[in-house]
Amino acid sequence: QVQLVESGGGLVQAGGSLTLSCAASGRTFSSRYKMGWFRQAPGKEREFVAAISRNGVTTYYLDSVKGRFTISRDNAKNTLYLQMNSLKPEDTAVYYCAADFRATYYPSREPTEYDYWGQGTQVTVSS
């Protein structure tokens, strides 16, 4: 079992920044699983935001967040991060981190391929 706990959400004005963290516990974090961030706005489906490989070398982003968001991980601290800059009102959503234990190298953009999820943290961007 893996427990994932997100933190760092909040209310921010458009153009501002937030850093989300996802603390993992329960199983070895560092070399066991790929990680991703997803978000869900009211009335919308959950969508992929960013993903990172086990070693942190390979990252993928939703087109609309490229250049503004950065995903990273610190395997020694069992923590995943999402640095969000130049936030826009359309970034408002509940953000979730997730862990993918599949043996493949490349991280996935598909939420169905993730095995464990956190409870989510709310990000609200005011205009």
Foldseek 3Di string as FASTA:
>chain_A
DKAKAKDWADEEAAQAKIKMKIAIDDDQQQQFWKKFKWWDDPPGDIFGAKIAFSNRPDMDGDPVQPPFWDWGDDSVRRMIMIIGGRDDQVVWTWMKMFIARDPDGDDDRDPVRTDDIYPTDTHGYHD
